[in-house]
Structures are given as structure tokens and as C-alpha cells.
Protein backbone atom coordinates (compact mmCIF):
# COMPACT_ATOMS: atom_id res chain seq x y z
CA MET A 1 42.81 31.36 -7.99
CA ILE A 2 39.26 32.54 -8.72
CA ARG A 3 38.27 28.98 -9.66
CA LEU A 4 39.73 27.64 -6.38
CA HIS A 5 37.77 30.16 -4.33
CA CYS A 6 34.56 29.22 -6.19
CA GLN A 7 35.10 25.52 -5.56
CA ARG A 8 35.69 26.17 -1.86
CA ALA A 9 32.55 28.30 -1.70
CA GLN A 10 30.45 25.64 -3.42
CA GLY A 11 31.79 22.93 -1.09
CA ALA A 12 30.98 25.05 1.94
CA ALA A 13 27.47 25.66 0.64
CA ARG A 14 26.87 21.93 0.26
CA CYS A 15 28.05 21.30 3.82
CA LEU A 16 25.70 23.96 5.12
CA VAL A 17 22.56 22.35 3.63
CA PRO A 18 21.92 19.83 6.45
CA PHE A 19 22.91 22.41 9.08
CA LEU A 20 20.54 25.02 7.66
CA ALA A 21 17.76 22.43 7.49
CA LEU A 22 18.20 21.76 11.19
CA LEU A 23 18.13 25.47 12.00
CA LEU A 24 14.98 26.05 9.95
CA LEU A 25 13.01 23.08 11.22
CA ALA A 26 14.10 22.97 14.85
CA PRO A 27 11.99 26.01 15.89
CA SER A 28 8.87 24.37 14.45
CA PHE A 29 9.60 21.21 16.38
CA ALA A 30 10.21 23.11 19.59
CA LEU A 31 7.03 25.16 19.08
CA ALA A 32 4.93 22.04 18.59
CA GLN A 33 6.40 20.44 21.70
CA GLY A 34 5.95 23.57 23.72
CA ALA A 35 2.28 23.75 22.79
CA GLY A 36 1.69 20.43 24.55
CA GLY A 37 1.91 18.12 21.51
CA ALA A 38 3.44 17.53 18.12
CA SER A 39 0.37 18.04 15.97
CA ALA A 40 2.00 20.98 14.13
CA ILE A 41 4.33 18.62 12.23
CA PRO A 42 3.82 15.13 10.77
CA ARG A 43 4.02 12.30 13.27
CA VAL A 44 4.21 8.51 13.13
CA SER A 45 3.83 6.41 16.28
CA ILE A 46 4.97 2.78 16.56
CA SER A 47 4.49 0.59 19.65
CA PHE A 48 6.89 -2.32 20.06
CA ALA A 49 6.77 -5.52 22.09
CA PRO A 50 9.15 -5.82 25.08
CA ASP A 51 12.79 -6.73 24.45
CA THR A 52 12.65 -6.19 20.70
CA THR A 53 14.95 -4.47 18.24
CA PHE A 54 13.41 -1.50 16.49
CA SER A 55 14.04 -1.76 12.75
CA VAL A 56 12.32 0.30 10.05
CA ARG A 57 13.19 1.88 6.73
CA LEU A 58 12.47 5.56 6.05
CA ARG A 59 12.29 7.67 2.89
CA ALA A 60 11.77 11.39 2.31
CA ARG A 61 10.58 13.30 -0.75
CA GLU A 62 13.86 15.22 -0.87
CA ASP A 63 17.43 14.53 0.20
CA SER A 64 18.68 15.92 3.53
CA THR A 65 15.24 15.92 5.15
CA VAL A 66 15.43 16.19 8.94
CA VAL A 67 13.28 13.95 11.14
CA TRP A 68 13.32 13.34 14.89
CA LEU A 69 13.15 10.01 16.67
CA ASP A 70 11.54 10.14 20.12
CA TYR A 71 11.95 6.98 22.19
CA GLY A 72 9.77 8.29 25.00
CA ALA A 73 12.62 8.84 27.45
CA GLY A 74 12.87 12.60 26.97
CA ALA A 75 15.80 12.57 24.53
CA LYS A 76 15.17 13.05 20.82
CA GLU A 77 17.53 11.97 18.07
CA GLU A 78 17.88 14.08 14.94
CA LEU A 79 18.27 12.11 11.73
CA LEU A 80 18.79 13.00 8.08
CA ILE A 81 16.89 10.85 5.57
CA TRP A 82 16.98 10.80 1.77
CA ASP A 83 14.76 10.26 -1.25
CA SER A 84 15.72 6.56 -1.22
CA TYR A 85 15.10 4.20 1.68
CA SER A 86 17.52 4.16 4.62
CA ASP A 87 17.65 1.50 7.35
CA VAL A 88 17.12 2.68 10.91
CA VAL A 89 17.94 0.04 13.52
CA ARG A 90 17.97 0.75 17.26
CA PRO A 91 17.92 -1.66 20.23
CA LEU A 92 14.83 -1.04 22.35
CA LYS A 93 13.20 -2.57 25.39
CA GLY A 94 9.72 -2.22 24.00
CA GLY A 95 7.65 0.93 24.34
CA THR A 96 6.61 3.53 21.78
CA LEU A 97 8.67 5.28 19.15
CA SER A 98 7.48 8.56 17.61
CA ILE A 99 8.90 9.87 14.35
CA TYR A 100 8.41 13.57 13.60
CA GLY A 101 8.96 15.21 10.23
CA GLY A 102 8.27 14.79 6.52
CA VAL A 103 8.37 11.01 6.16
CA ALA A 104 7.27 9.98 2.64
CA GLY A 105 8.01 6.26 2.89
CA LEU A 106 7.76 3.95 5.90
CA ASP A 107 8.64 0.25 5.80
CA CYS A 108 7.90 -1.59 9.05
CA SER A 109 8.12 -5.09 7.60
CA PRO A 110 11.65 -5.74 9.00
CA SER A 111 10.16 -5.56 12.52
CA GLY A 112 7.31 -7.92 11.63
CA GLY A 113 5.51 -9.32 14.67
CA ALA A 114 7.39 -7.04 17.08
CA ILE A 115 4.97 -4.19 16.34
CA ARG A 116 1.93 -3.96 18.60
CA ALA A 117 0.29 -0.79 17.24
CA LEU A 118 0.86 1.78 14.50
CA GLU A 119 -0.48 5.30 14.01
CA VAL A 120 0.21 7.03 10.69
CA SER A 121 -2.88 9.20 10.18
CA GLY A 122 -0.97 12.13 11.69
CA CYS A 123 1.59 11.99 8.87
CA PRO A 124 -0.09 13.49 5.76
CA SER A 125 3.21 13.46 3.82
CA LEU A 126 3.22 9.64 3.71
CA GLU A 127 3.27 8.25 0.14
CA GLU A 128 4.31 4.62 0.71
CA LEU A 129 3.56 2.31 3.64
CA ASN A 130 4.69 -1.29 4.07
CA VAL A 131 3.43 -3.15 7.14
CA GLU A 132 3.40 -6.66 5.70
CA GLY A 133 3.50 -9.34 8.40
CA CYS A 134 3.15 -6.90 11.29
CA LEU A 135 0.05 -8.67 12.69
CA LEU A 136 -1.94 -5.43 12.95
CA ALA A 137 -5.62 -5.72 13.88
CA SER A 138 -6.50 -2.21 12.62
CA LEU A 139 -5.08 0.47 10.34
CA ASP A 140 -6.35 4.06 10.31
CA LEU A 141 -5.49 5.99 7.13
CA THR A 142 -7.93 8.88 7.45
CA GLY A 143 -5.16 11.50 7.33
CA ASN A 144 -3.10 9.98 4.52
CA ARG A 145 -4.46 11.60 1.37
CA GLU A 146 -1.05 11.43 -0.37
CA LEU A 147 -0.70 7.66 0.06
CA GLU A 148 0.11 5.96 -3.27
CA VAL A 149 1.36 2.50 -2.28
CA LEU A 150 0.12 0.32 0.59
CA ASP A 151 1.31 -3.18 1.45
CA CYS A 152 -0.58 -4.51 4.46
CA GLY A 153 -0.63 -8.20 3.60
CA ALA A 154 -0.42 -10.95 6.24
CA ASN A 155 -1.95 -8.97 9.09
CA ARG A 156 -5.12 -9.46 11.16
CA LEU A 157 -7.30 -6.80 9.56
CA THR A 158 -11.05 -7.42 9.34
CA ALA A 159 -11.96 -4.12 7.63
CA LEU A 160 -10.03 -1.64 5.52
CA ASP A 161 -11.30 1.71 4.23
CA LEU A 162 -9.15 3.32 1.54
CA GLY A 163 -11.70 6.02 0.73
CA PRO A 164 -9.50 8.71 2.33
CA CYS A 165 -6.64 7.80 -0.07
CA PRO A 166 -7.70 9.21 -3.48
CA VAL A 167 -4.28 8.85 -5.19
CA LEU A 168 -3.64 5.24 -4.14
CA ARG A 169 -2.13 3.31 -7.08
CA ARG A 170 -1.15 -0.02 -5.56
CA LEU A 171 -2.79 -2.03 -2.76
CA ASP A 172 -1.72 -5.42 -1.44
CA CYS A 173 -3.92 -6.60 1.43
CA HIS A 174 -3.75 -10.36 0.88
CA GLY A 175 -3.82 -12.85 3.72
CA ASN A 176 -5.89 -10.93 6.25
CA SER A 177 -9.42 -11.63 7.54
CA LEU A 178 -11.05 -8.84 5.56
CA ALA A 179 -14.82 -8.96 5.39
CA VAL A 180 -15.03 -5.30 4.31
CA LEU A 181 -12.80 -3.57 1.76
CA VAL A 182 -13.62 -0.07 0.51
CA VAL A 183 -11.71 1.24 -2.52
CA SER A 184 -14.49 3.28 -4.14
CA GLY A 185 -12.62 6.57 -3.68
CA CYS A 186 -9.41 5.33 -5.31
CA ASP A 187 -9.76 6.51 -8.91
CA SER A 188 -6.05 5.91 -9.64
CA LEU A 189 -5.89 2.33 -8.32
CA ARG A 190 -4.09 0.10 -10.84
CA TYR A 191 -3.06 -2.95 -8.81
CA LEU A 192 -5.18 -4.74 -6.20
CA ASP A 193 -4.33 -7.99 -4.42
CA CYS A 194 -7.07 -8.82 -1.92
CA SER A 195 -6.65 -12.59 -2.16
CA LYS A 196 -7.03 -14.97 0.79
CA ASN A 197 -9.58 -13.00 2.76
CA VAL A 198 -13.28 -13.57 3.51
CA LEU A 199 -14.81 -10.99 1.17
CA ARG A 200 -18.37 -11.70 0.01
CA ASN A 201 -18.51 -8.67 -2.29
CA ILE A 202 -16.32 -5.85 -3.51
CA ASP A 203 -17.30 -2.67 -5.35
CA LEU A 204 -14.85 -1.86 -8.16
CA SER A 205 -17.19 0.34 -10.18
CA ARG A 206 -15.20 3.49 -9.36
CA ASN A 207 -11.76 2.11 -10.17
CA PRO A 208 -11.49 2.79 -13.93
CA ALA A 209 -7.67 2.58 -13.93
CA LEU A 210 -7.53 -0.96 -12.50
CA GLU A 211 -5.16 -3.16 -14.54
CA GLU A 212 -4.44 -6.11 -12.25
CA LEU A 213 -6.91 -7.79 -9.87
CA TYR A 214 -6.10 -10.77 -7.65
CA CYS A 215 -9.17 -11.69 -5.60
CA GLN A 216 -8.84 -15.47 -5.46
CA ASP A 217 -9.65 -17.48 -2.32
CA ASN A 218 -12.45 -15.30 -0.95
CA GLN A 219 -16.21 -15.86 -0.72
CA LEU A 220 -17.31 -13.71 -3.66
CA GLY A 221 -20.67 -14.65 -5.18
CA ILE A 222 -20.49 -12.02 -7.92
CA LEU A 223 -17.73 -9.96 -9.51
CA GLU A 224 -18.77 -6.92 -11.53
CA LEU A 225 -16.11 -5.63 -13.96
CA ARG A 226 -18.11 -3.68 -16.54
CA THR A 227 -16.42 -0.36 -15.77
CA ASN A 228 -12.86 -1.71 -15.51
CA TRP A 229 -11.78 -1.13 -19.10
CA GLN A 230 -8.04 -1.18 -18.35
CA LEU A 231 -8.06 -4.65 -16.75
CA ARG A 232 -5.51 -7.05 -18.25
CA GLN A 233 -4.79 -9.52 -15.42
CA LEU A 234 -7.49 -11.27 -13.37
CA SER A 235 -7.40 -14.09 -10.83
CA CYS A 236 -10.73 -14.98 -9.20
CA PHE A 237 -10.75 -18.75 -8.58
CA GLY A 238 -11.51 -20.16 -5.13
CA ASN A 239 -14.70 -18.11 -4.68
CA ASN A 240 -18.44 -18.86 -4.80
CA LEU A 241 -18.93 -17.72 -8.38
CA SER A 242 -21.67 -19.67 -10.12
CA PRO A 243 -21.41 -20.62 -13.82
CA LEU A 244 -23.89 -17.82 -14.52
CA ALA A 245 -21.72 -15.31 -12.63
CA ILE A 246 -18.64 -16.50 -14.53
CA GLU A 247 -20.48 -16.07 -17.81
CA GLY A 248 -21.39 -12.49 -16.93
CA LEU A 249 -17.81 -11.80 -15.91
CA LEU A 250 -16.44 -13.17 -19.20
CA ARG A 251 -18.83 -11.09 -21.29
CA ALA A 252 -17.79 -7.94 -19.38
CA LEU A 253 -14.09 -8.32 -20.18
CA ARG A 254 -12.72 -5.59 -22.42
CA ILE A 255 -11.21 -6.08 -25.87
CA VAL A 256 -7.45 -6.23 -25.40
CA PRO A 257 -5.50 -4.03 -27.86
CA ALA A 258 -3.76 -5.75 -30.76
CA GLY A 259 -0.33 -7.07 -29.85
CA GLN A 260 -1.30 -7.58 -26.19
CA GLN A 261 -3.02 -10.33 -24.24
CA GLY A 262 -5.21 -10.40 -21.16
CA VAL A 263 -4.96 -13.29 -18.69
CA ALA A 264 -7.83 -14.55 -16.51
CA TYR A 265 -7.70 -17.44 -14.04
CA LEU A 266 -11.16 -18.78 -13.18
CA GLU A 267 -12.65 -21.54 -11.09
CA ALA A 268 -12.59 -24.86 -12.94
CA ILE A 269 -16.00 -25.37 -14.55
CA PRO A 270 -17.48 -28.90 -14.26
CA ALA A 271 -18.49 -30.47 -17.55
CA ASP A 272 -22.14 -30.72 -16.49
CA SER A 273 -22.18 -26.94 -15.86
CA MET A 274 -20.72 -26.03 -19.24
CA THR A 275 -23.80 -24.64 -20.94
CA HIS A 276 -23.88 -23.52 -24.55
CA SER A 277 -24.17 -19.90 -23.39
CA LEU A 278 -21.13 -20.24 -21.12
CA ARG A 279 -19.12 -21.89 -23.89
CA MET A 280 -19.98 -18.98 -26.19
CA ALA A 281 -18.86 -16.51 -23.49
CA LEU A 282 -15.51 -18.32 -23.23
CA GLU A 283 -15.04 -18.17 -26.98
CA LEU A 284 -15.96 -14.48 -26.97
CA ALA A 285 -13.34 -13.76 -24.29
CA GLN A 286 -10.71 -15.54 -26.36
CA ARG A 287 -11.63 -13.50 -29.42
CA LYS A 288 -11.11 -10.43 -27.24
CA ARG A 289 -7.50 -11.67 -26.80
CA TRP A 290 -7.92 -13.13 -23.30
CA ARG A 291 -6.13 -16.31 -22.29
CA ILE A 292 -8.27 -18.32 -19.86
CA GLY A 293 -6.78 -20.57 -17.17
CA TYR A 294 -8.35 -22.51 -14.32
CA GLY A 295 -7.76 -23.49 -10.72
CA GLY A 296 -4.62 -22.51 -8.81
CA ALA A 297 -2.41 -21.63 -11.78
CA ALA A 298 -2.31 -17.90 -11.01
CA SER A 299 0.83 -16.11 -9.97
CA CYS A 300 0.74 -12.80 -8.07
CA ASP A 301 4.47 -12.13 -8.02
């Protein structure tokens, strides 16, 4: 009998968790709204094209996290999200959707070209953001100091400043029109794919944790890697790197630990540009346990 009562009590407690979360967080939401805005709690704003279906995926840091969906018509929908991604699909007729609460992960890629604008700087809890293929012309991340993973490939960005994101670990910004990319404040950055842009230079001197770099198909005239001692995967063909620049790059590559191998894909070097010094640099890289490939043989999967 005692065991039965305990089980009933534990079951009731579990059922109360979402309800208590609503009771605790609802006053904060009401207070923020009553003050003339929602700045007191995290907020994401997404503008959609007319006659489109709103589809995103949301994740929280903890299970049973309450968020509110505001479709701009006065009514707000309460929603529980979890520490793994959940699909949220709603038919809309365009307009702006606001999401209030502790969103840790936001994936807008299912909506693709239906998104016209996105504001996430008011959501400091954001850790992961995927906006691949959303055709965004700008992306403001000044308030996202907890951001760890960003996928903004296949958009229309011309400049991207990740300086406000000090804990960023993974960045995929391929296939934009980036002429400016700032990652100098990202000490934890390990993976960077900035391929297929129009970058003429990139400063990686303050990214000591960088392990994988895909910067092929840009307009780079020089690539400085002397401080990137963790690098093990490099793809830099399709740039404006001279044989002299390639030689300097090869000599800067680190010694790969025994039992491992680094991989570097370079621009094919014409026979008449293969100097003795460059040949020695290639041999040195191989002795450092780097495998050298050429042309379009790289894979960024």
C-alpha cells in the first residue's frame, strides 16, 4: 500500500512539471508584454513570404521548456519543447512570427526561401542556428554569445562578423557572396567551411583550435596558417595562390602525430612553376605526414 501511494505521488509530480513551468514563466511573459515589449525574455523574429507554410525545428537546453509562438494576430500559443529537436509546422499567410522563451536550437532550413528576414540577436540562449538556403542578405549575431554551431550556407550574405560569438565551434558559410568574414574572436572554432565566396583574405591567426578548413573557390592571394597547430584537413584550391604562397603554406603545416594523417588539397601546380624550393616544401609536408592532393578532389561532407 505504501509503495502504491509513492508511485501515485511520483506520477502526479511528473505531470505537474509542465504545469508548474507554465505558472512560473507566464508572469514573466505577461510582465514583458505589459511593459510595451518582450525584451525581458529571449525573442526570435521570423518574417515569412505571403501564402507560405511556417516550418521550423526548435530545441531547448532542458526538457519541458515553455516557449510562446506569437503570429501577430493577438493570440499566443504556448508550446513545450525538449532538449532534442521538435518540428513545428503551422499554415500561415505570410507575416511575422515571434518566438519567446529559452530557445537553444533553431533550424529554419525546412522553410528555405520562404523566409524574408530573421532576427535572433534578442535570443542570448541560442546555441545552434541553421538557416541554410534561406536566402538571407544579412545576419546579426551581436547578442548571441552562447552560439556554438552556425550553418548559414547558400544565402546572400556579403559580410559576416562572428566576433560576438566567442564559443563558436562550427561554422558553415559556403555558397554566399562573402567579401568579409571575421572569426578573430572565435578561439574555440574547430570547423570552418567558407568555400565558394569572394574572399580575398581571411585572418585565422586567433583560431588555434581550428582542425578543418575548407576555403576553396574564393579569391585568396595568401593563406597564413602558422598559428593553426591543430589543423588536419585543408582544402584551398580554386584561389589566387601563387606558387610562392603555396610554398609558404606547405612549410607552415604542423607535424601530424604518429598514427594520424593530415590531408591538404591544393591548386594544381604547372610543371614550369615547380621550383626546387617548392618541391622541397612538398616533400617536407609529406614527411610531416600530410597527404597532398590537387584540383577539385576535396570533399566537405
